[in-house]
C-alpha atoms as a PDB file:
ATOM      1  CA  MET A   1     171.367 168.571 130.968  1.00  0.00           C
ATOM      2  CA  ILE A   2     170.849 166.949 127.716  1.00  0.00           C
ATOM      3  CA  ILE A   3     174.105 165.810 127.134  1.00  0.00           C
ATOM      4  CA  LYS A   4     174.186 164.193 130.645  1.00  0.00           C
ATOM      5  CA  THR A   5     170.687 162.597 130.019  1.00  0.00           C
ATOM      6  CA  ILE A   6     172.336 160.815 126.592  1.00  0.00           C
ATOM      7  CA  ALA A   7     175.287 159.712 128.377  1.00  0.00           C
ATOM      8  CA  THR A   8     173.205 158.241 131.399  1.00  0.00           C
ATOM      9  CA  LEU A   9     170.726 156.509 128.651  1.00  0.00           C
ATOM     10  CA  PHE A  10     173.828 155.253 126.242  1.00  0.00           C
ATOM     11  CA  PHE A  11     175.768 153.924 129.717  1.00  0.00           C
ATOM     12  CA  LEU A  12     172.478 151.977 130.452  1.00  0.00           C
ATOM     13  CA  PHE A  13     171.839 150.762 126.990  1.00  0.00           C
ATOM     14  CA  PHE A  14     175.262 149.119 126.915  1.00  0.00           C
ATOM     15  CA  SER A  15     174.990 147.804 130.497  1.00  0.00           C
ATOM     16  CA  CYS A  16     171.937 146.135 129.922  1.00  0.00           C
ATOM     17  CA  THR A  17     172.938 144.655 126.622  1.00  0.00           C
ATOM     18  CA  THR A  18     176.083 143.112 128.187  1.00  0.00           C
ATOM     19  CA  VAL A  19     173.617 141.621 131.157  1.00  0.00           C
ATOM     20  CA  LEU A  20     171.385 140.076 128.328  1.00  0.00           C
ATOM     21  CA  SER A  21     174.162 138.486 126.668  1.00  0.00           C
ATOM     22  CA  GLN A  22     175.164 136.742 129.674  1.00  0.00           C
ATOM     23  CA  ALA A  23     171.631 135.359 131.404  1.00  0.00           C
ATOM     24  CA  ILE A  24     168.283 135.851 130.466  1.00  0.00           C
ATOM     25  CA  VAL A  25     165.135 134.034 132.020  1.00  0.00           C
ATOM     26  CA  TYR A  26     162.912 132.456 129.584  1.00  0.00           C
ATOM     27  CA  LYS A  27     159.371 134.013 128.841  1.00  0.00           C
ATOM     28  CA  ASP A  28     157.672 130.882 129.018  1.00  0.00           C
ATOM     29  CA  VAL A  29     157.704 126.950 130.071  1.00  0.00           C
ATOM     30  CA  LYS A  30     154.716 124.677 129.879  1.00  0.00           C
ATOM     31  CA  GLU A  31     154.176 120.936 130.336  1.00  0.00           C
ATOM     32  CA  ILE A  32     153.556 119.041 127.013  1.00  0.00           C
ATOM     33  CA  SER A  33     152.561 115.457 126.215  1.00  0.00           C
ATOM     34  CA  SER A  34     155.417 113.046 125.135  1.00  0.00           C
ATOM     35  CA  VAL A  35     153.607 112.843 121.739  1.00  0.00           C
ATOM     36  CA  GLU A  36     154.466 116.642 120.968  1.00  0.00           C
ATOM     37  CA  PHE A  37     158.052 116.174 122.254  1.00  0.00           C
ATOM     38  CA  ASN A  38     159.006 113.366 119.773  1.00  0.00           C
ATOM     39  CA  LYS A  39     157.043 114.825 116.571  1.00  0.00           C
ATOM     40  CA  HIS A  40     160.291 116.707 116.298  1.00  0.00           C
ATOM     41  CA  LEU A  41     162.601 114.085 116.312  1.00  0.00           C
ATOM     42  CA  PRO A  42     165.268 113.193 114.555  1.00  0.00           C
ATOM     43  CA  ILE A  43     167.557 115.897 115.235  1.00  0.00           C
ATOM     44  CA  PRO A  44     170.520 116.742 112.879  1.00  0.00           C
ATOM     45  CA  ASN A  45     173.822 115.262 113.702  1.00  0.00           C
ATOM     46  CA  LEU A  46     176.407 117.629 112.289  1.00  0.00           C
ATOM     47  CA  LEU A  47     179.506 115.817 113.453  1.00  0.00           C
ATOM     48  CA  ILE A  48     181.452 113.399 111.107  1.00  0.00           C
ATOM     49  CA  ARG A  49     183.498 110.513 112.778  1.00  0.00           C
ATOM     50  CA  PRO A  50     187.234 110.548 111.231  1.00  0.00           C
ATOM     51  CA  ASN A  51     188.079 107.015 109.664  1.00  0.00           C
ATOM     52  CA  THR A  52     191.228 107.127 111.604  1.00  0.00           C
ATOM     53  CA  GLN A  53     191.974 106.727 115.067  1.00  0.00           C
ATOM     54  CA  LEU A  54     193.007 110.369 116.569  1.00  0.00           C
ATOM     55  CA  LYS A  55     193.434 109.027 120.137  1.00  0.00           C
ATOM     56  CA  SER A  56     196.840 107.111 121.019  1.00  0.00           C
ATOM     57  CA  HIS A  57     198.459 106.279 124.451  1.00  0.00           C
ATOM     58  CA  GLY A  58     195.865 108.366 126.065  1.00  0.00           C
ATOM     59  CA  ARG A  59     196.413 111.237 123.735  1.00  0.00           C
ATOM     60  CA  ILE A  60     194.594 113.370 121.121  1.00  0.00           C
ATOM     61  CA  MET A  61     196.706 115.544 119.064  1.00  0.00           C
ATOM     62  CA  LEU A  62     195.251 118.142 116.857  1.00  0.00           C
ATOM     63  CA  LYS A  63     197.982 119.833 114.650  1.00  0.00           C
ATOM     64  CA  THR A  64     197.139 123.503 113.984  1.00  0.00           C
ATOM     65  CA  PRO A  65     199.176 126.054 111.933  1.00  0.00           C
ATOM     66  CA  GLY A  66     200.772 127.220 114.914  1.00  0.00           C
ATOM     67  CA  ARG A  67     201.256 124.542 117.251  1.00  0.00           C
ATOM     68  CA  THR A  68     199.867 121.148 118.072  1.00  0.00           C
ATOM     69  CA  ILE A  69     197.256 120.785 120.979  1.00  0.00           C
ATOM     70  CA  VAL A  70     197.734 117.942 123.058  1.00  0.00           C
ATOM     71  CA  LEU A  71     194.648 116.477 125.276  1.00  0.00           C
ATOM     72  CA  LYS A  72     196.118 113.963 127.403  1.00  0.00           C
ATOM     73  CA  ASP A  73     193.982 111.486 129.935  1.00  0.00           C
ATOM     74  CA  ASP A  74     195.699 111.421 133.444  1.00  0.00           C
ATOM     75  CA  GLY A  75     195.521 107.939 133.611  1.00  0.00           C
ATOM     76  CA  GLU A  76     192.955 107.960 136.430  1.00  0.00           C
ATOM     77  CA  MET A  77     190.102 110.295 136.223  1.00  0.00           C
ATOM     78  CA  GLN A  78     190.464 112.928 133.357  1.00  0.00           C
ATOM     79  CA  GLN A  79     189.569 111.460 130.162  1.00  0.00           C
ATOM     80  CA  TYR A  80     189.187 112.802 126.534  1.00  0.00           C
ATOM     81  CA  VAL A  81     187.061 111.509 123.706  1.00  0.00           C
ATOM     82  CA  TYR A  82     187.139 112.950 120.306  1.00  0.00           C
ATOM     83  CA  MET A  83     183.393 113.234 119.133  1.00  0.00           C
ATOM     84  CA  GLY A  84     184.086 114.148 115.517  1.00  0.00           C
ATOM     85  CA  ASP A  85     184.690 117.231 112.826  1.00  0.00           C
ATOM     86  CA  LEU A  86     181.881 119.566 112.455  1.00  0.00           C
ATOM     87  CA  LYS A  87     180.602 119.277 108.723  1.00  0.00           C
ATOM     88  CA  ASN A  88     182.255 121.774 106.166  1.00  0.00           C
ATOM     89  CA  SER A  89     184.637 123.508 108.598  1.00  0.00           C
ATOM     90  CA  SER A  90     187.587 123.275 110.133  1.00  0.00           C
ATOM     91  CA  MET A  91     186.607 122.543 113.804  1.00  0.00           C
ATOM     92  CA  ALA A  92     187.155 119.138 116.053  1.00  0.00           C
ATOM     93  CA  LEU A  93     184.630 118.390 118.973  1.00  0.00           C
ATOM     94  CA  VAL A  94     186.368 117.171 122.038  1.00  0.00           C
ATOM     95  CA  HIS A  95     184.583 115.891 125.253  1.00  0.00           C
ATOM     96  CA  GLU A  96     186.549 116.429 128.571  1.00  0.00           C
ATOM     97  CA  LEU A  97     185.337 113.836 131.285  1.00  0.00           C
ATOM     98  CA  GLU A  98     186.266 113.911 134.935  1.00  0.00           C
ATOM     99  CA  PRO A  99     184.108 112.751 138.102  1.00  0.00           C
ATOM    100  CA  ASN A 100     181.163 115.107 138.607  1.00  0.00           C
ATOM    101  CA  THR A 101     182.310 117.335 135.805  1.00  0.00           C
ATOM    102  CA  GLU A 102     182.385 117.447 131.919  1.00  0.00           C
ATOM    103  CA  GLU A 103     183.133 120.266 129.304  1.00  0.00           C
ATOM    104  CA  TYR A 104     183.109 120.016 125.584  1.00  0.00           C
ATOM    105  CA  TYR A 105     185.571 121.995 123.427  1.00  0.00           C
ATOM    106  CA  PHE A 106     185.345 123.171 119.546  1.00  0.00           C
ATOM    107  CA  ILE A 107     188.761 123.241 118.667  1.00  0.00           C
ATOM    108  CA  ASN A 108     189.465 125.163 115.203  1.00  0.00           C
ATOM    109  CA  LYS A 109     192.243 123.239 113.491  1.00  0.00           C
ATOM    110  CA  ARG A 110     193.017 126.307 111.419  1.00  0.00           C
ATOM    111  CA  THR A 111     193.261 128.830 113.968  1.00  0.00           C
ATOM    112  CA  GLY A 112     194.040 127.091 117.246  1.00  0.00           C
ATOM    113  CA  THR A 113     191.311 128.571 119.017  1.00  0.00           C
ATOM    114  CA  VAL A 114     189.393 126.735 121.556  1.00  0.00           C
ATOM    115  CA  ASP A 115     185.875 127.663 122.422  1.00  0.00           C
ATOM    116  CA  THR A 116     184.319 125.952 125.387  1.00  0.00           C
ATOM    117  CA  LEU A 117     180.823 124.417 125.635  1.00  0.00           C
ATOM    118  CA  VAL A 118     178.723 123.373 128.739  1.00  0.00           C
ATOM    119  CA  GLY A 119     177.126 120.473 127.170  1.00  0.00           C
ATOM    120  CA  PRO A 120     176.992 118.605 124.007  1.00  0.00           C
ATOM    121  CA  PRO A 121     175.937 120.625 120.992  1.00  0.00           C
ATOM    122  CA  VAL A 122     172.531 120.426 119.574  1.00  0.00           C
ATOM    123  CA  PHE A 123     172.302 121.974 116.281  1.00  0.00           C
ATOM    124  CA  TYR A 124     168.929 123.843 114.733  1.00  0.00           C
ATOM    125  CA  PRO A 125     168.497 122.390 111.188  1.00  0.00           C
ATOM    126  CA  ASN A 126     170.053 123.874 108.301  1.00  0.00           C
ATOM    127  CA  THR A 127     171.884 126.660 110.844  1.00  0.00           C
ATOM    128  CA  MET A 128     174.808 126.711 112.802  1.00  0.00           C
ATOM    129  CA  ASN A 129     172.776 127.633 115.950  1.00  0.00           C
ATOM    130  CA  ILE A 130     173.640 125.415 119.057  1.00  0.00           C
ATOM    131  CA  VAL A 131     171.935 124.741 122.279  1.00  0.00           C
ATOM    132  CA  CYS A 132     173.781 123.043 124.985  1.00  0.00           C
ATOM    133  CA  LEU A 133     172.518 121.593 128.345  1.00  0.00           C
ATOM    134  CA  GLU A 134     174.773 121.869 131.327  1.00  0.00           C
ATOM    135  CA  GLY A 135     174.914 119.084 133.926  1.00  0.00           C
ATOM    136  CA  MET A 136     173.074 116.061 132.427  1.00  0.00           C
ATOM    137  CA  ASN A 137     175.735 114.054 134.096  1.00  0.00           C
ATOM    138  CA  THR A 138     177.303 116.246 136.966  1.00  0.00           C
ATOM    139  CA  ASP A 139     176.779 117.776 140.227  1.00  0.00           C
ATOM    140  CA  VAL A 140     176.768 121.502 138.895  1.00  0.00           C
ATOM    141  CA  LYS A 141     172.896 123.860 138.690  1.00  0.00           C
ATOM    142  CA  GLN A 142     171.937 123.099 135.185  1.00  0.00           C
ATOM    143  CA  ARG A 143     171.874 125.755 132.795  1.00  0.00           C
ATOM    144  CA  ILE A 144     170.977 125.937 128.734  1.00  0.00           C
ATOM    145  CA  GLN A 145     173.844 127.550 126.649  1.00  0.00           C
ATOM    146  CA  VAL A 146     172.569 129.243 123.218  1.00  0.00           C
ATOM    147  CA  GLY A 147     175.141 130.422 120.742  1.00  0.00           C
ATOM    148  CA  LYS A 148     176.031 130.056 117.272  1.00  0.00           C
ATOM    149  CA  ILE A 149     179.278 129.249 115.073  1.00  0.00           C
ATOM    150  CA  VAL A 150     180.432 132.222 113.517  1.00  0.00           C
ATOM    151  CA  ASP A 151     183.488 132.547 111.390  1.00  0.00           C
ATOM    152  CA  GLY A 152     184.854 129.349 112.912  1.00  0.00           C
ATOM    153  CA  ARG A 153     184.157 130.498 116.299  1.00  0.00           C
ATOM    154  CA  PHE A 154     181.427 129.423 118.843  1.00  0.00           C
ATOM    155  CA  ARG A 155     179.626 132.514 119.983  1.00  0.00           C
ATOM    156  CA  MET A 156     177.597 132.457 122.893  1.00  0.00           C
ATOM    157  CA  ARG A 157     174.589 134.463 122.901  1.00  0.00           C
ATOM    158  CA  PHE A 158     173.273 133.956 126.276  1.00  0.00           C
ATOM    159  CA  TYR A 159     172.164 131.434 128.815  1.00  0.00           C
ATOM    160  CA  LEU A 160     168.840 130.100 130.320  1.00  0.00           C
ATOM    161  CA  ARG A 161     168.436 129.576 133.891  1.00  0.00           C
ATOM    162  CA  ILE A 162     166.396 126.861 134.580  1.00  0.00           C
ATOM    163  CA  LYS A 163     163.830 127.396 137.580  1.00  0.00           C
ATOM    164  CA  GLY A 164     161.589 125.464 139.613  1.00  0.00           C
ATOM    165  CA  GLU A 165     161.775 121.462 139.583  1.00  0.00           C
ATOM    166  CA  ILE A 166     162.548 120.824 136.067  1.00  0.00           C
ATOM    167  CA  ASN A 167     165.743 118.996 135.757  1.00  0.00           C
ATOM    168  CA  PRO A 168     166.100 118.390 132.113  1.00  0.00           C
ATOM    169  CA  GLY A 169     167.990 115.223 130.884  1.00  0.00           C
ATOM    170  CA  TYR A 170     167.688 116.282 126.984  1.00  0.00           C
ATOM    171  CA  VAL A 171     167.027 119.376 125.124  1.00  0.00           C
ATOM    172  CA  TYR A 172     166.584 119.946 121.451  1.00  0.00           C
ATOM    173  CA  TRP A 173     165.147 123.147 119.349  1.00  0.00           C
ATOM    174  CA  ALA A 174     161.269 123.194 118.196  1.00  0.00           C
ATOM    175  CA  ASP A 175     161.955 126.246 116.465  1.00  0.00           C
ATOM    176  CA  VAL A 176     164.446 129.263 116.620  1.00  0.00           C
ATOM    177  CA  HIS A 177     162.998 130.571 120.061  1.00  0.00           C
ATOM    178  CA  THR A 178     161.711 127.695 121.197  1.00  0.00           C
ATOM    179  CA  LEU A 179     163.273 124.197 122.971  1.00  0.00           C
ATOM    180  CA  PHE A 180     161.827 121.159 124.125  1.00  0.00           C
ATOM    181  CA  LEU A 181     163.064 119.703 127.437  1.00  0.00           C
ATOM    182  CA  ASN A 182     162.671 115.998 128.833  1.00  0.00           C
ATOM    183  CA  ASP A 183     163.566 115.832 132.182  1.00  0.00           C
ATOM    184  CA  ASN A 184     164.813 112.763 134.696  1.00  0.00           C
ATOM    185  CA  ASN A 185     161.062 112.115 135.593  1.00  0.00           C
ATOM    186  CA  GLU A 186     159.923 111.543 131.984  1.00  0.00           C
ATOM    187  CA  LYS A 187     158.135 114.984 131.872  1.00  0.00           C
ATOM    188  CA  PHE A 188     158.502 116.873 128.883  1.00  0.00           C
ATOM    189  CA  TYR A 189     158.429 120.899 128.585  1.00  0.00           C
ATOM    190  CA  LYS A 190     158.479 123.596 125.865  1.00  0.00           C
ATOM    191  CA  LEU A 191     160.363 126.450 126.761  1.00  0.00           C
ATOM    192  CA  THR A 192     160.203 129.656 124.945  1.00  0.00           C
ATOM    193  CA  PHE A 193     162.632 132.477 124.842  1.00  0.00           C
END
């Protein structure tokens, strides 16, 4: 009986851990003033633009040890934009745009791995913690992706699902457990998770 109880608790623990790593609901959200929202700016930008043009004839080519990654515009709707290199790393950020959808890719030029972000990365100061807001210029339901760069890879920790009438147009870190949001109606929010 004790072994069965321990096995059940073990199963429930790992089942809950898997669910929590995917999506969580934040603890608190409250409206704040524009003064409080703006007092934490500016946001660190850890991307460096290269001096050379990396896009030629609608193609971005990134050399990795085992292969060359080629991202090619389709000539009509799909377009790739090289955003820059992450400081002190071998990672490049590429933005893919299509009508009503967009994604961002961290490409490790040393290993060839590609990690997908749902929006532009916003870094927490002096760390590799990242928050991304999905769907700012798209038709998808917005989510906030929270993760971290670890060993040259983006490791997603969880998504925050946005509830109610909040439609963020901008997100940034206030502290490691708090985000500030600016919605499209010029309202400002503090979200704690």
